[in-house]
């Protein structure tokens, strides 16, 4: 008889331990997902680096055309022709 009571007591204890977590209630709040806005401005940095890299060309650069000087015709030059 004691053997039966031990076995039934052990069975009752194990079944309570297994079934007890099923009564637990856990509430989970919803996770809010927000968009992430990332702006990477690489153009300014690359433009500056290119300007620094090609800076040596500025001292060798010559104007494409030479400035011209204009002479006005005087009244005596046009009358003689």
PDB file of N, CA and C in Angstrom:
ATOM      1  N   UNK A   1       0.815  -1.186   0.000  1.00  0.00           N
ATOM      2  CA  UNK A   1       0.000   0.000   0.000  1.00  0.00           C
ATOM      3  C   UNK A   1       0.858   1.249   0.000  1.00  0.00           C
ATOM      4  N   UNK A   2       1.906   1.308   0.755  1.00  0.00           N
ATOM      5  CA  UNK A   2       2.778   2.473   0.768  1.00  0.00           C
ATOM      6  C   UNK A   2       3.453   2.662  -0.577  1.00  0.00           C
ATOM      7  N   UNK A   3       3.673   1.530  -1.212  1.00  0.00           N
ATOM      8  CA  UNK A   3       4.295   1.603  -2.528  1.00  0.00           C
ATOM      9  C   UNK A   3       3.342   2.274  -3.520  1.00  0.00           C
ATOM     10  N   UNK A   4       2.099   1.989  -3.434  1.00  0.00           N
ATOM     11  CA  UNK A   4       1.090   2.577  -4.318  1.00  0.00           C
ATOM     12  C   UNK A   4       0.920   4.061  -4.009  1.00  0.00           C
ATOM     13  N   UNK A   5       0.932   4.432  -2.747  1.00  0.00           N
ATOM     14  CA  UNK A   5       0.810   5.841  -2.375  1.00  0.00           C
ATOM     15  C   UNK A   5       2.034   6.642  -2.825  1.00  0.00           C
ATOM     16  N   UNK A   6       3.198   6.056  -2.695  1.00  0.00           N
ATOM     17  CA  UNK A   6       4.403   6.755  -3.175  1.00  0.00           C
ATOM     18  C   UNK A   6       4.339   6.977  -4.678  1.00  0.00           C
ATOM     19  N   UNK A   7       3.948   5.912  -5.360  1.00  0.00           N
ATOM     20  CA  UNK A   7       3.905   6.007  -6.823  1.00  0.00           C
ATOM     21  C   UNK A   7       2.837   7.016  -7.264  1.00  0.00           C
ATOM     22  N   UNK A   8       1.695   7.017  -6.634  1.00  0.00           N
ATOM     23  CA  UNK A   8       0.644   7.958  -7.004  1.00  0.00           C
ATOM     24  C   UNK A   8       1.025   9.382  -6.601  1.00  0.00           C
ATOM     25  N   UNK A   9       1.708   9.527  -5.456  1.00  0.00           N
ATOM     26  CA  UNK A   9       2.174  10.855  -5.044  1.00  0.00           C
ATOM     27  C   UNK A   9       3.220  11.403  -5.994  1.00  0.00           C
ATOM     28  N   UNK A  10       4.123  10.522  -6.424  1.00  0.00           N
ATOM     29  CA  UNK A  10       5.155  10.928  -7.385  1.00  0.00           C
ATOM     30  C   UNK A  10       4.527  11.287  -8.729  1.00  0.00           C
ATOM     31  N   UNK A  11       3.562  10.499  -9.154  1.00  0.00           N
ATOM     32  CA  UNK A  11       2.861  10.769 -10.415  1.00  0.00           C
ATOM     33  C   UNK A  11       2.108  12.091 -10.334  1.00  0.00           C
ATOM     34  N   UNK A  12       1.481  12.346  -9.192  1.00  0.00           N
ATOM     35  CA  UNK A  12       0.758  13.600  -8.999  1.00  0.00           C
ATOM     36  C   UNK A  12       1.713  14.785  -9.015  1.00  0.00           C
ATOM     37  N   UNK A  13       2.861  14.661  -8.379  1.00  0.00           N
ATOM     38  CA  UNK A  13       3.842  15.749  -8.338  1.00  0.00           C
ATOM     39  C   UNK A  13       4.405  16.043  -9.720  1.00  0.00           C
ATOM     40  N   UNK A  14       4.727  14.991 -10.464  1.00  0.00           N
ATOM     41  CA  UNK A  14       5.270  15.175 -11.814  1.00  0.00           C
ATOM     42  C   UNK A  14       4.219  15.788 -12.722  1.00  0.00           C
ATOM     43  N   UNK A  15       2.990  15.326 -12.618  1.00  0.00           N
ATOM     44  CA  UNK A  15       1.946  15.881 -13.481  1.00  0.00           C
ATOM     45  C   UNK A  15       1.668  17.342 -13.139  1.00  0.00           C
ATOM     46  N   UNK A  16       1.745  17.732 -11.879  1.00  0.00           N
ATOM     47  CA  UNK A  16       1.570  19.144 -11.512  1.00  0.00           C
ATOM     48  C   UNK A  16       2.719  19.995 -12.035  1.00  0.00           C
ATOM     49  N   UNK A  17       3.929  19.467 -11.957  1.00  0.00           N
ATOM     50  CA  UNK A  17       5.076  20.225 -12.484  1.00  0.00           C
ATOM     51  C   UNK A  17       4.997  20.393 -14.007  1.00  0.00           C
ATOM     52  N   UNK A  18       4.487  19.409 -14.681  1.00  0.00           N
ATOM     53  CA  UNK A  18       4.378  19.483 -16.140  1.00  0.00           C
ATOM     54  C   UNK A  18       3.222  20.382 -16.550  1.00  0.00           C
ATOM     55  N   UNK A  19       2.109  20.314 -15.848  1.00  0.00           N
ATOM     56  CA  UNK A  19       0.932  21.080 -16.237  1.00  0.00           C
ATOM     57  C   UNK A  19       0.911  22.504 -15.687  1.00  0.00           C
ATOM     58  N   UNK A  20       1.694  22.806 -14.666  1.00  0.00           N
ATOM     59  CA  UNK A  20       1.696  24.143 -14.067  1.00  0.00           C
ATOM     60  C   UNK A  20       2.116  25.237 -15.058  1.00  0.00           C
ATOM     61  N   UNK A  21       3.138  25.032 -15.876  1.00  0.00           N
ATOM     62  CA  UNK A  21       3.503  26.099 -16.834  1.00  0.00           C
ATOM     63  C   UNK A  21       2.424  26.390 -17.870  1.00  0.00           C
ATOM     64  N   UNK A  22       1.531  25.448 -18.117  1.00  0.00           N
ATOM     65  CA  UNK A  22       0.493  25.700 -19.113  1.00  0.00           C
ATOM     66  C   UNK A  22      -0.529  26.720 -18.620  1.00  0.00           C
ATOM     67  N   UNK A  23      -0.576  26.956 -17.316  1.00  0.00           N
ATOM     68  CA  UNK A  23      -1.496  27.946 -16.759  1.00  0.00           C
ATOM     69  C   UNK A  23      -0.895  29.346 -16.752  1.00  0.00           C
ATOM     70  N   UNK A  24       0.373  29.453 -16.991  1.00  0.00           N
ATOM     71  CA  UNK A  24       1.040  30.761 -16.952  1.00  0.00           C
ATOM     72  C   UNK A  24       0.619  31.583 -18.169  1.00  0.00           C
ATOM     73  N   UNK A  25       0.378  32.844 -17.961  1.00  0.00           N
ATOM     74  CA  UNK A  25       0.004  33.767 -19.029  1.00  0.00           C
ATOM     75  C   UNK A  25       1.133  34.773 -19.228  1.00  0.00           C
ATOM     76  N   UNK A  26       1.588  34.900 -20.423  1.00  0.00           N
ATOM     77  CA  UNK A  26       2.646  35.850 -20.746  1.00  0.00           C
ATOM     78  C   UNK A  26       2.101  36.783 -21.806  1.00  0.00           C
ATOM     79  N   UNK A  27       2.181  38.066 -21.532  1.00  0.00           N
ATOM     80  CA  UNK A  27       1.724  39.029 -22.531  1.00  0.00           C
ATOM     81  C   UNK A  27       2.951  39.687 -23.166  1.00  0.00           C
ATOM     82  N   UNK A  28       2.920  39.770 -24.461  1.00  0.00           N
ATOM     83  CA  UNK A  28       4.025  40.354 -25.219  1.00  0.00           C
ATOM     84  C   UNK A  28       3.472  41.560 -25.957  1.00  0.00           C
ATOM     85  N   UNK A  29       4.080  42.701 -25.716  1.00  0.00           N
ATOM     86  CA  UNK A  29       3.662  43.915 -26.411  1.00  0.00           C
ATOM     87  C   UNK A  29       4.152  43.846 -27.854  1.00  0.00           C
ATOM     88  N   UNK A  30       3.381  44.401 -28.782  1.00  0.00           N
ATOM     89  CA  UNK A  30       3.836  44.380 -30.178  1.00  0.00           C
ATOM     90  C   UNK A  30       5.073  45.248 -30.358  1.00  0.00           C
ATOM     91  N   UNK A  31       5.918  44.813 -31.229  1.00  0.00           N
ATOM     92  CA  UNK A  31       7.150  45.536 -31.517  1.00  0.00           C
ATOM     93  C   UNK A  31       6.852  46.576 -32.587  1.00  0.00           C
ATOM     94  N   UNK A  32       7.270  47.804 -32.350  1.00  0.00           N
ATOM     95  CA  UNK A  32       7.048  48.879 -33.315  1.00  0.00           C
ATOM     96  C   UNK A  32       8.262  48.970 -34.228  1.00  0.00           C
ATOM     97  N   UNK A  33       8.030  48.824 -35.495  1.00  0.00           N
ATOM     98  CA  UNK A  33       9.100  48.874 -36.485  1.00  0.00           C
ATOM     99  C   UNK A  33       9.010  50.214 -37.189  1.00  0.00           C
ATOM    100  N   UNK A  34      10.074  50.993 -37.075  1.00  0.00           N
ATOM    101  CA  UNK A  34      10.116  52.309 -37.714  1.00  0.00           C
ATOM    102  C   UNK A  34      11.119  52.270 -38.850  1.00  0.00           C
ATOM    103  N   UNK A  35      10.853  53.007 -39.913  1.00  0.00           N
ATOM    104  CA  UNK A  35      11.830  53.055 -41.001  1.00  0.00           C
ATOM    105  C   UNK A  35      13.064  53.855 -40.576  1.00  0.00           C
ATOM    106  N   UNK A  36      14.177  53.455 -41.097  1.00  0.00           N
ATOM    107  CA  UNK A  36      15.438  54.140 -40.803  1.00  0.00           C
ATOM    108  C   UNK A  36      15.838  54.915 -42.053  1.00  0.00           C
ATOM    109  N   UNK A  37      16.089  56.188 -41.881  1.00  0.00           N
ATOM    110  CA  UNK A  37      16.469  57.054 -42.994  1.00  0.00           C
ATOM    111  C   UNK A  37      17.952  57.384 -42.861  1.00  0.00           C
ATOM    112  N   UNK A  38      18.748  56.892 -43.793  1.00  0.00           N
ATOM    113  CA  UNK A  38      20.189  57.107 -43.760  1.00  0.00           C
ATOM    114  C   UNK A  38      20.577  57.835 -45.042  1.00  0.00           C
ATOM    115  N   UNK A  39      21.269  58.938 -44.890  1.00  0.00           N
ATOM    116  CA  UNK A  39      21.746  59.705 -46.033  1.00  0.00           C
ATOM    117  C   UNK A  39      23.264  59.716 -45.981  1.00  0.00           C
ATOM    118  N   UNK A  40      23.870  59.232 -47.035  1.00  0.00           N
ATOM    119  CA  UNK A  40      25.324  59.236 -47.119  1.00  0.00           C
ATOM    120  C   UNK A  40      25.680  60.143 -48.287  1.00  0.00           C
ATOM    121  N   UNK A  41      26.314  61.242 -47.990  1.00  0.00           N
ATOM    122  CA  UNK A  41      26.685  62.199 -49.027  1.00  0.00           C
ATOM    123  C   UNK A  41      28.144  61.962 -49.395  1.00  0.00           C
ATOM    124  N   UNK A  42      28.347  61.150 -50.421  1.00  0.00           N
ATOM    125  CA  UNK A  42      29.685  60.784 -50.853  1.00  0.00           C
ATOM    126  C   UNK A  42      30.181  61.736 -51.931  1.00  0.00           C
ATOM    127  N   UNK A  43      29.278  62.361 -52.659  1.00  0.00           N
ATOM    128  CA  UNK A  43      29.660  63.196 -53.795  1.00  0.00           C
ATOM    129  C   UNK A  43      30.568  64.345 -53.386  1.00  0.00           C
ATOM    130  N   UNK A  44      30.298  64.984 -52.276  1.00  0.00           N
ATOM    131  CA  UNK A  44      31.094  66.127 -51.851  1.00  0.00           C
ATOM    132  C   UNK A  44      32.516  65.689 -51.523  1.00  0.00           C
ATOM    133  N   UNK A  45      32.639  64.570 -50.849  1.00  0.00           N
ATOM    134  CA  UNK A  45      33.956  64.088 -50.468  1.00  0.00           C
ATOM    135  C   UNK A  45      34.764  63.687 -51.695  1.00  0.00           C
ATOM    136  N   UNK A  46      34.140  62.994 -52.633  1.00  0.00           N
ATOM    137  CA  UNK A  46      34.846  62.568 -53.842  1.00  0.00           C
ATOM    138  C   UNK A  46      35.214  63.774 -54.683  1.00  0.00           C
ATOM    139  N   UNK A  47      34.324  64.761 -54.780  1.00  0.00           N
ATOM    140  CA  UNK A  47      34.614  65.964 -55.550  1.00  0.00           C
ATOM    141  C   UNK A  47      35.815  66.697 -54.970  1.00  0.00           C
ATOM    142  N   UNK A  48      35.880  66.799 -53.656  1.00  0.00           N
ATOM    143  CA  UNK A  48      37.003  67.469 -53.001  1.00  0.00           C
ATOM    144  C   UNK A  48      38.300  66.694 -53.235  1.00  0.00           C
ATOM    145  N   UNK A  49      38.244  65.375 -53.145  1.00  0.00           N
ATOM    146  CA  UNK A  49      39.441  64.564 -53.363  1.00  0.00           C
ATOM    147  C   UNK A  49      39.916  64.659 -54.807  1.00  0.00           C
ATOM    148  N   UNK A  50      38.979  64.715 -55.756  1.00  0.00           N
ATOM    149  CA  UNK A  50      39.375  64.869 -57.155  1.00  0.00           C
ATOM    150  C   UNK A  50      39.998  66.233 -57.401  1.00  0.00           C
ATOM    151  N   UNK A  51      39.460  67.276 -56.779  1.00  0.00           N
ATOM    152  CA  UNK A  51      40.050  68.605 -56.907  1.00  0.00           C
ATOM    153  C   UNK A  51      41.475  68.627 -56.369  1.00  0.00           C
ATOM    154  N   UNK A  52      41.691  67.973 -55.242  1.00  0.00           N
ATOM    155  CA  UNK A  52      43.039  67.923 -54.664  1.00  0.00           C
ATOM    156  C   UNK A  52      43.973  67.090 -55.539  1.00  0.00           C
ATOM    157  N   UNK A  53      43.475  66.008 -56.125  1.00  0.00           N
ATOM    158  CA  UNK A  53      44.307  65.141 -56.947  1.00  0.00           C
ATOM    159  C   UNK A  53      44.750  65.840 -58.229  1.00  0.00           C
ATOM    160  N   UNK A  54      43.841  66.575 -58.866  1.00  0.00           N
ATOM    161  CA  UNK A  54      44.168  67.233 -60.129  1.00  0.00           C
ATOM    162  C   UNK A  54      44.608  68.690 -59.936  1.00  0.00           C
ATOM    163  N   UNK A  55      44.971  69.088 -58.760  1.00  0.00           N
ATOM    164  CA  UNK A  55      45.387  70.470 -58.500  1.00  0.00           C
ATOM    165  C   UNK A  55      46.681  70.805 -59.229  1.00  0.00           C
ATOM    166  N   UNK A  56      47.533  69.823 -59.493  1.00  0.00           N
ATOM    167  CA  UNK A  56      48.791  70.088 -60.176  1.00  0.00           C
ATOM    168  C   UNK A  56      48.571  70.592 -61.592  1.00  0.00           C
ATOM    169  N   UNK A  57      47.432  70.287 -62.187  1.00  0.00           N
ATOM    170  CA  UNK A  57      47.160  70.728 -63.554  1.00  0.00           C
ATOM    171  C   UNK A  57      46.874  72.224 -63.634  1.00  0.00           C
ATOM    172  N   UNK A  58      46.465  72.839 -62.553  1.00  0.00           N
ATOM    173  CA  UNK A  58      46.119  74.259 -62.584  1.00  0.00           C
ATOM    174  C   UNK A  58      47.314  75.131 -62.921  1.00  0.00           C
ATOM    175  N   UNK A  59      48.488  74.776 -62.474  1.00  0.00           N
ATOM    176  CA  UNK A  59      49.643  75.634 -62.758  1.00  0.00           C
ATOM    177  C   UNK A  59      50.123  75.487 -64.205  1.00  0.00           C
ATOM    178  N   UNK A  60      49.757  74.382 -64.878  1.00  0.00           N
ATOM    179  CA  UNK A  60      50.136  74.189 -66.272  1.00  0.00           C
ATOM    180  C   UNK A  60      49.047  74.612 -67.243  1.00  0.00           C
ATOM    181  N   UNK A  61      47.900  74.955 -66.738  1.00  0.00           N
ATOM    182  CA  UNK A  61      46.764  75.289 -67.589  1.00  0.00           C
ATOM    183  C   UNK A  61      46.955  76.688 -68.190  1.00  0.00           C
ATOM    184  N   UNK A  62      46.740  76.788 -69.476  1.00  0.00           N
ATOM    185  CA  UNK A  62      46.793  78.068 -70.172  1.00  0.00           C
ATOM    186  C   UNK A  62      45.419  78.321 -70.763  1.00  0.00           C
ATOM    187  N   UNK A  63      45.075  79.557 -70.939  1.00  0.00           N
ATOM    188  CA  UNK A  63      43.772  79.830 -71.542  1.00  0.00           C
ATOM    189  C   UNK A  63      43.701  79.266 -72.954  1.00  0.00           C
ATOM    190  N   UNK A  64      42.560  78.819 -73.367  1.00  0.00           N
ATOM    191  CA  UNK A  64      42.382  78.207 -74.683  1.00  0.00           C
ATOM    192  C   UNK A  64      42.579  79.224 -75.799  1.00  0.00           C
ATOM    193  N   UNK A  65      42.180  80.467 -75.587  1.00  0.00           N
ATOM    194  CA  UNK A  65      42.362  81.507 -76.595  1.00  0.00           C
ATOM    195  C   UNK A  65      43.031  82.705 -75.949  1.00  0.00           C
ATOM    196  N   UNK A  66      43.731  83.439 -76.752  1.00  0.00           N
ATOM    197  CA  UNK A  66      44.385  84.647 -76.258  1.00  0.00           C
ATOM    198  C   UNK A  66      43.414  85.812 -76.390  1.00  0.00           C
ATOM    199  N   UNK A  67      43.413  86.709 -75.425  1.00  0.00           N
ATOM    200  CA  UNK A  67      42.535  87.870 -75.546  1.00  0.00           C
ATOM    201  C   UNK A  67      42.977  88.741 -76.733  1.00  0.00           C
ATOM    202  N   UNK A  68      42.032  89.285 -77.419  1.00  0.00           N
ATOM    203  CA  UNK A  68      42.334  90.113 -78.590  1.00  0.00           C
ATOM    204  C   UNK A  68      42.181  91.579 -78.236  1.00  0.00           C
ATOM    205  N   UNK A  69      42.884  92.363 -78.961  1.00  0.00           N
ATOM    206  CA  UNK A  69      42.751  93.811 -78.802  1.00  0.00           C
ATOM    207  C   UNK A  69      42.077  94.340 -80.051  1.00  0.00           C
ATOM    208  N   UNK A  70      41.193  95.253 -79.876  1.00  0.00           N
ATOM    209  CA  UNK A  70      40.487  95.829 -81.021  1.00  0.00           C
ATOM    210  C   UNK A  70      40.992  97.243 -81.249  1.00  0.00           C
ATOM    211  N   UNK A  71      41.151  97.555 -82.484  1.00  0.00           N
ATOM    212  CA  UNK A  71      41.572  98.907 -82.858  1.00  0.00           C
ATOM    213  C   UNK A  71      40.414  99.562 -83.594  1.00  0.00           C
ATOM    214  N   UNK A  72      40.156 100.761 -83.219  1.00  0.00           N
ATOM    215  CA  UNK A  72      39.086 101.477 -83.885  1.00  0.00           C
ATOM    216  C   UNK A  72      39.673 102.250 -85.057  1.00  0.00           C
ATOM    217  N   UNK A  73      38.933 102.296 -86.105  1.00  0.00           N
ATOM    218  CA  UNK A  73      39.385 103.022 -87.291  1.00  0.00           C
ATOM    219  C   UNK A  73      39.109 104.508 -87.075  1.00  0.00           C
ATOM    220  N   UNK A  74      40.075 105.286 -87.332  1.00  0.00           N
ATOM    221  CA  UNK A  74      39.881 106.732 -87.171  1.00  0.00           C
ATOM    222  C   UNK A  74      39.203 107.272 -88.440  1.00  0.00           C
ATOM    223  N   UNK A  75      38.689 108.445 -88.350  1.00  0.00           N
ATOM    224  CA  UNK A  75      37.971 109.062 -89.479  1.00  0.00           C
ATOM    225  C   UNK A  75      38.909 109.340 -90.628  1.00  0.00           C
ATOM    226  N   UNK A  76      40.172 109.625 -90.355  1.00  0.00           N
ATOM    227  CA  UNK A  76      41.097 109.947 -91.443  1.00  0.00           C
ATOM    228  C   UNK A  76      41.503 108.696 -92.212  1.00  0.00           C
ATOM    229  N   UNK A  77      41.536 107.524 -91.532  1.00  0.00           N
ATOM    230  CA  UNK A  77      41.902 106.282 -92.220  1.00  0.00           C
ATOM    231  C   UNK A  77      40.794 105.849 -93.193  1.00  0.00           C
ATOM    232  N   UNK A  78      39.555 106.010 -92.811  1.00  0.00           N
ATOM    233  CA  UNK A  78      38.455 105.553 -93.658  1.00  0.00           C
ATOM    234  C   UNK A  78      38.190 106.563 -94.785  1.00  0.00           C
ATOM    235  N   UNK A  79      38.556 107.823 -94.625  1.00  0.00           N
ATOM    236  CA  UNK A  79      38.319 108.822 -95.672  1.00  0.00           C
ATOM    237  C   UNK A  79      39.320 108.673 -96.796  1.00  0.00           C
ATOM    238  N   UNK A  80      40.528 108.193 -96.494  1.00  0.00           N
ATOM    239  CA  UNK A  80      41.553 108.102 -97.502  1.00  0.00           C
ATOM    240  C   UNK A  80      41.359 106.926 -98.426  1.00  0.00           C
ATOM    241  N   UNK A  81      40.558 106.033 -98.148  1.00  0.00           N
ATOM    242  CA  UNK A  81      40.405 104.872 -99.010  1.00  0.00           C
ATOM    243  C   UNK A  81      39.357 105.044-100.001  1.00  0.00           C
TER     244      UNK A  81
END
